[in-house]
Amino acid sequence: MAKKGNRQIIKIKSSASPHFYSTFKNKVNTTGRLEIKKYDPVVRRHVMYKEEK
């Protein structure tokens, strides 16, 4: 059964390749789209990951 609360699972997609990560986000504290610089194993470097809808 899923947890109850403000956290939801989101998908963040790489700006340089089709790779994506899935993570949790608190929709109450972070209302805008999430942008994180993470490692992309496809291009083998750190790139910006942006939240998908």
PDB file of N, CA and C in Angstrom:
ATOM      1  N   MET A   1       0.839  -1.178   0.000  1.00  0.00           N
ATOM      2  CA  MET A   1       0.000   0.000   0.000  1.00  0.00           C
ATOM      3  C   MET A   1       0.884   1.241   0.000  1.00  0.00           C
ATOM      4  N   ALA A   2       0.481   2.265  -0.737  1.00  0.00           N
ATOM      5  CA  ALA A   2       1.259   3.491  -0.852  1.00  0.00           C
ATOM      6  C   ALA A   2       1.193   4.288   0.446  1.00  0.00           C
ATOM      7  N   LYS A   3       2.270   5.033   0.690  1.00  0.00           N
ATOM      8  CA  LYS A   3       2.309   5.893   1.867  1.00  0.00           C
ATOM      9  C   LYS A   3       1.397   7.098   1.655  1.00  0.00           C
ATOM     10  N   LYS A   4       0.841   7.590   2.741  1.00  0.00           N
ATOM     11  CA  LYS A   4      -0.007   8.771   2.670  1.00  0.00           C
ATOM     12  C   LYS A   4       0.828   9.982   3.041  1.00  0.00           C
ATOM     13  N   GLY A   5       0.527  11.114   2.440  1.00  0.00           N
ATOM     14  CA  GLY A   5       1.240  12.336   2.769  1.00  0.00           C
ATOM     15  C   GLY A   5       1.467  13.200   1.550  1.00  0.00           C
ATOM     16  N   ASN A   6       2.408  14.139   1.691  1.00  0.00           N
ATOM     17  CA  ASN A   6       2.650  15.127   0.661  1.00  0.00           C
ATOM     18  C   ASN A   6       3.667  14.681  -0.386  1.00  0.00           C
ATOM     19  N   ARG A   7       4.405  13.623  -0.112  1.00  0.00           N
ATOM     20  CA  ARG A   7       5.444  13.191  -1.051  1.00  0.00           C
ATOM     21  C   ARG A   7       4.853  12.380  -2.192  1.00  0.00           C
ATOM     22  N   GLN A   8       5.341  12.686  -3.413  1.00  0.00           N
ATOM     23  CA  GLN A   8       4.898  11.960  -4.593  1.00  0.00           C
ATOM     24  C   GLN A   8       6.106  11.535  -5.406  1.00  0.00           C
ATOM     25  N   ILE A   9       5.972  10.457  -6.149  1.00  0.00           N
ATOM     26  CA  ILE A   9       7.043   9.987  -7.010  1.00  0.00           C
ATOM     27  C   ILE A   9       7.043  10.834  -8.280  1.00  0.00           C
ATOM     28  N   ILE A  10       8.238  11.330  -8.644  1.00  0.00           N
ATOM     29  CA  ILE A  10       8.373  12.101  -9.873  1.00  0.00           C
ATOM     30  C   ILE A  10       9.466  11.477 -10.729  1.00  0.00           C
ATOM     31  N   LYS A  11       9.469  11.815 -12.012  1.00  0.00           N
ATOM     32  CA  LYS A  11      10.485  11.333 -12.939  1.00  0.00           C
ATOM     33  C   LYS A  11      11.283  12.538 -13.412  1.00  0.00           C
ATOM     34  N   ILE A  12      12.632  12.482 -13.254  1.00  0.00           N
ATOM     35  CA  ILE A  12      13.480  13.555 -13.752  1.00  0.00           C
ATOM     36  C   ILE A  12      14.276  13.016 -14.936  1.00  0.00           C
ATOM     37  N   LYS A  13      14.244  13.760 -16.056  1.00  0.00           N
ATOM     38  CA  LYS A  13      14.838  13.317 -17.310  1.00  0.00           C
ATOM     39  C   LYS A  13      16.062  14.154 -17.638  1.00  0.00           C
ATOM     40  N   SER A  14      17.071  13.492 -18.201  1.00  0.00           N
ATOM     41  CA  SER A  14      18.309  14.143 -18.594  1.00  0.00           C
ATOM     42  C   SER A  14      18.074  15.104 -19.757  1.00  0.00           C
ATOM     43  N   SER A  15      18.838  16.197 -19.784  1.00  0.00           N
ATOM     44  CA  SER A  15      18.749  17.139 -20.891  1.00  0.00           C
ATOM     45  C   SER A  15      19.650  16.733 -22.055  1.00  0.00           C
ATOM     46  N   ALA A  16      20.521  15.723 -21.855  1.00  0.00           N
ATOM     47  CA  ALA A  16      21.477  15.324 -22.892  1.00  0.00           C
ATOM     48  C   ALA A  16      21.205  13.943 -23.483  1.00  0.00           C
ATOM     49  N   SER A  17      20.351  13.148 -22.859  1.00  0.00           N
ATOM     50  CA  SER A  17      20.086  11.785 -23.342  1.00  0.00           C
ATOM     51  C   SER A  17      18.695  11.354 -22.873  1.00  0.00           C
ATOM     52  N   PRO A  18      18.247  10.168 -23.283  1.00  0.00           N
ATOM     53  CA  PRO A  18      16.924   9.701 -22.845  1.00  0.00           C
ATOM     54  C   PRO A  18      16.903   9.099 -21.431  1.00  0.00           C
ATOM     55  N   HIS A  19      18.009   9.128 -20.718  1.00  0.00           N
ATOM     56  CA  HIS A  19      18.094   8.540 -19.375  1.00  0.00           C
ATOM     57  C   HIS A  19      17.241   9.329 -18.384  1.00  0.00           C
ATOM     58  N   PHE A  20      16.672   8.622 -17.385  1.00  0.00           N
ATOM     59  CA  PHE A  20      15.883   9.299 -16.348  1.00  0.00           C
ATOM     60  C   PHE A  20      16.086   8.621 -15.007  1.00  0.00           C
ATOM     61  N   TYR A  21      15.835   9.374 -13.950  1.00  0.00           N
ATOM     62  CA  TYR A  21      15.813   8.881 -12.581  1.00  0.00           C
ATOM     63  C   TYR A  21      14.389   9.068 -12.055  1.00  0.00           C
ATOM     64  N   SER A  22      13.996   8.247 -11.085  1.00  0.00           N
ATOM     65  CA  SER A  22      12.739   8.480 -10.381  1.00  0.00           C
ATOM     66  C   SER A  22      13.086   8.773  -8.930  1.00  0.00           C
ATOM     67  N   THR A  23      12.394   9.738  -8.351  1.00  0.00           N
ATOM     68  CA  THR A  23      12.673  10.167  -6.991  1.00  0.00           C
ATOM     69  C   THR A  23      11.389  10.670  -6.346  1.00  0.00           C
ATOM     70  N   PHE A  24      11.463  11.031  -5.080  1.00  0.00           N
ATOM     71  CA  PHE A  24      10.328  11.568  -4.350  1.00  0.00           C
ATOM     72  C   PHE A  24      10.461  13.071  -4.225  1.00  0.00           C
ATOM     73  N   LYS A  25       9.309  13.746  -4.193  1.00  0.00           N
ATOM     74  CA  LYS A  25       9.283  15.194  -4.050  1.00  0.00           C
ATOM     75  C   LYS A  25       8.130  15.574  -3.135  1.00  0.00           C
ATOM     76  N   ASN A  26       8.395  16.501  -2.223  1.00  0.00           N
ATOM     77  CA  ASN A  26       7.348  17.031  -1.353  1.00  0.00           C
ATOM     78  C   ASN A  26       6.673  18.183  -2.084  1.00  0.00           C
ATOM     79  N   LYS A  27       5.434  17.978  -2.535  1.00  0.00           N
ATOM     80  CA  LYS A  27       4.716  18.964  -3.335  1.00  0.00           C
ATOM     81  C   LYS A  27       4.343  20.224  -2.544  1.00  0.00           C
ATOM     82  N   VAL A  28       4.300  20.136  -1.229  1.00  0.00           N
ATOM     83  CA  VAL A  28       3.945  21.297  -0.411  1.00  0.00           C
ATOM     84  C   VAL A  28       5.135  22.251  -0.306  1.00  0.00           C
ATOM     85  N   ASN A  29       6.334  21.712  -0.055  1.00  0.00           N
ATOM     86  CA  ASN A  29       7.521  22.553   0.112  1.00  0.00           C
ATOM     87  C   ASN A  29       8.128  22.996  -1.209  1.00  0.00           C
ATOM     88  N   THR A  30       8.038  22.166  -2.247  1.00  0.00           N
ATOM     89  CA  THR A  30       8.633  22.463  -3.549  1.00  0.00           C
ATOM     90  C   THR A  30       7.520  22.465  -4.590  1.00  0.00           C
ATOM     91  N   THR A  31       6.974  23.638  -4.870  1.00  0.00           N
ATOM     92  CA  THR A  31       5.836  23.713  -5.778  1.00  0.00           C
ATOM     93  C   THR A  31       6.255  23.779  -7.239  1.00  0.00           C
ATOM     94  N   GLY A  32       7.442  24.313  -7.529  1.00  0.00           N
ATOM     95  CA  GLY A  32       7.909  24.440  -8.905  1.00  0.00           C
ATOM     96  C   GLY A  32       8.508  23.143  -9.418  1.00  0.00           C
ATOM     97  N   ARG A  33       8.954  23.187 -10.677  1.00  0.00           N
ATOM     98  CA  ARG A  33       9.583  22.022 -11.288  1.00  0.00           C
ATOM     99  C   ARG A  33      10.995  21.841 -10.720  1.00  0.00           C
ATOM    100  N   LEU A  34      11.369  20.610 -10.490  1.00  0.00           N
ATOM    101  CA  LEU A  34      12.658  20.277  -9.914  1.00  0.00           C
ATOM    102  C   LEU A  34      13.729  20.244 -10.991  1.00  0.00           C
ATOM    103  N   GLU A  35      14.897  20.869 -10.719  1.00  0.00           N
ATOM    104  CA  GLU A  35      16.047  20.825 -11.610  1.00  0.00           C
ATOM    105  C   GLU A  35      17.271  20.483 -10.785  1.00  0.00           C
ATOM    106  N   ILE A  36      17.922  19.366 -11.112  1.00  0.00           N
ATOM    107  CA  ILE A  36      19.068  18.871 -10.362  1.00  0.00           C
ATOM    108  C   ILE A  36      20.176  18.508 -11.334  1.00  0.00           C
ATOM    109  N   LYS A  37      21.417  18.759 -10.943  1.00  0.00           N
ATOM    110  CA  LYS A  37      22.551  18.332 -11.746  1.00  0.00           C
ATOM    111  C   LYS A  37      22.997  16.972 -11.202  1.00  0.00           C
ATOM    112  N   LYS A  38      22.864  15.924 -12.044  1.00  0.00           N
ATOM    113  CA  LYS A  38      23.180  14.561 -11.636  1.00  0.00           C
ATOM    114  C   LYS A  38      24.039  13.892 -12.707  1.00  0.00           C
ATOM    115  N   TYR A  39      24.600  12.746 -12.361  1.00  0.00           N
ATOM    116  CA  TYR A  39      25.441  11.989 -13.284  1.00  0.00           C
ATOM    117  C   TYR A  39      24.577  11.246 -14.302  1.00  0.00           C
ATOM    118  N   ASP A  40      24.925  11.368 -15.565  1.00  0.00           N
ATOM    119  CA  ASP A  40      24.246  10.666 -16.648  1.00  0.00           C
ATOM    120  C   ASP A  40      25.165   9.553 -17.153  1.00  0.00           C
ATOM    121  N   PRO A  41      24.815   8.285 -16.925  1.00  0.00           N
ATOM    122  CA  PRO A  41      25.684   7.190 -17.352  1.00  0.00           C
ATOM    123  C   PRO A  41      25.745   6.992 -18.862  1.00  0.00           C
ATOM    124  N   VAL A  42      24.788   7.525 -19.605  1.00  0.00           N
ATOM    125  CA  VAL A  42      24.786   7.381 -21.063  1.00  0.00           C
ATOM    126  C   VAL A  42      25.883   8.239 -21.686  1.00  0.00           C
ATOM    127  N   VAL A  43      25.970   9.508 -21.276  1.00  0.00           N
ATOM    128  CA  VAL A  43      26.999  10.400 -21.813  1.00  0.00           C
ATOM    129  C   VAL A  43      28.228  10.471 -20.917  1.00  0.00           C
ATOM    130  N   ARG A  44      28.170   9.830 -19.757  1.00  0.00           N
ATOM    131  CA  ARG A  44      29.265   9.721 -18.791  1.00  0.00           C
ATOM    132  C   ARG A  44      29.786  11.073 -18.305  1.00  0.00           C
ATOM    133  N   ARG A  45      28.861  11.937 -17.901  1.00  0.00           N
ATOM    134  CA  ARG A  45      29.216  13.211 -17.277  1.00  0.00           C
ATOM    135  C   ARG A  45      27.998  13.746 -16.528  1.00  0.00           C
ATOM    136  N   HIS A  46      28.192  14.798 -15.748  1.00  0.00           N
ATOM    137  CA  HIS A  46      27.105  15.419 -15.011  1.00  0.00           C
ATOM    138  C   HIS A  46      26.356  16.388 -15.920  1.00  0.00           C
ATOM    139  N   VAL A  47      25.036  16.267 -15.942  1.00  0.00           N
ATOM    140  CA  VAL A  47      24.176  17.134 -16.751  1.00  0.00           C
ATOM    141  C   VAL A  47      22.958  17.531 -15.927  1.00  0.00           C
ATOM    142  N   MET A  48      22.198  18.499 -16.434  1.00  0.00           N
ATOM    143  CA  MET A  48      20.980  18.932 -15.758  1.00  0.00           C
ATOM    144  C   MET A  48      19.858  17.935 -16.009  1.00  0.00           C
ATOM    145  N   TYR A  49      19.163  17.603 -14.945  1.00  0.00           N
ATOM    146  CA  TYR A  49      17.967  16.756 -15.026  1.00  0.00           C
ATOM    147  C   TYR A  49      16.782  17.623 -14.644  1.00  0.00           C
ATOM    148  N   LYS A  50      15.714  17.577 -15.439  1.00  0.00           N
ATOM    149  CA  LYS A  50      14.531  18.386 -15.196  1.00  0.00           C
ATOM    150  C   LYS A  50      13.320  17.491 -14.974  1.00  0.00           C
ATOM    151  N   GLU A  51      12.443  17.929 -14.115  1.00  0.00           N
ATOM    152  CA  GLU A  51      11.231  17.173 -13.797  1.00  0.00           C
ATOM    153  C   GLU A  51      10.297  17.109 -14.997  1.00  0.00           C
ATOM    154  N   GLU A  52       9.795  15.907 -15.274  1.00  0.00           N
ATOM    155  CA  GLU A  52       8.820  15.740 -16.343  1.00  0.00           C
ATOM    156  C   GLU A  52       7.428  15.781 -15.761  1.00  0.00           C
ATOM    157  N   LYS A  53       6.463  16.037 -16.624  1.00  0.00           N
ATOM    158  CA  LYS A  53       5.068  16.083 -16.185  1.00  0.00           C
ATOM    159  C   LYS A  53       4.494  14.708 -16.042  1.00  0.00           C
TER     160      LYS A  53
END
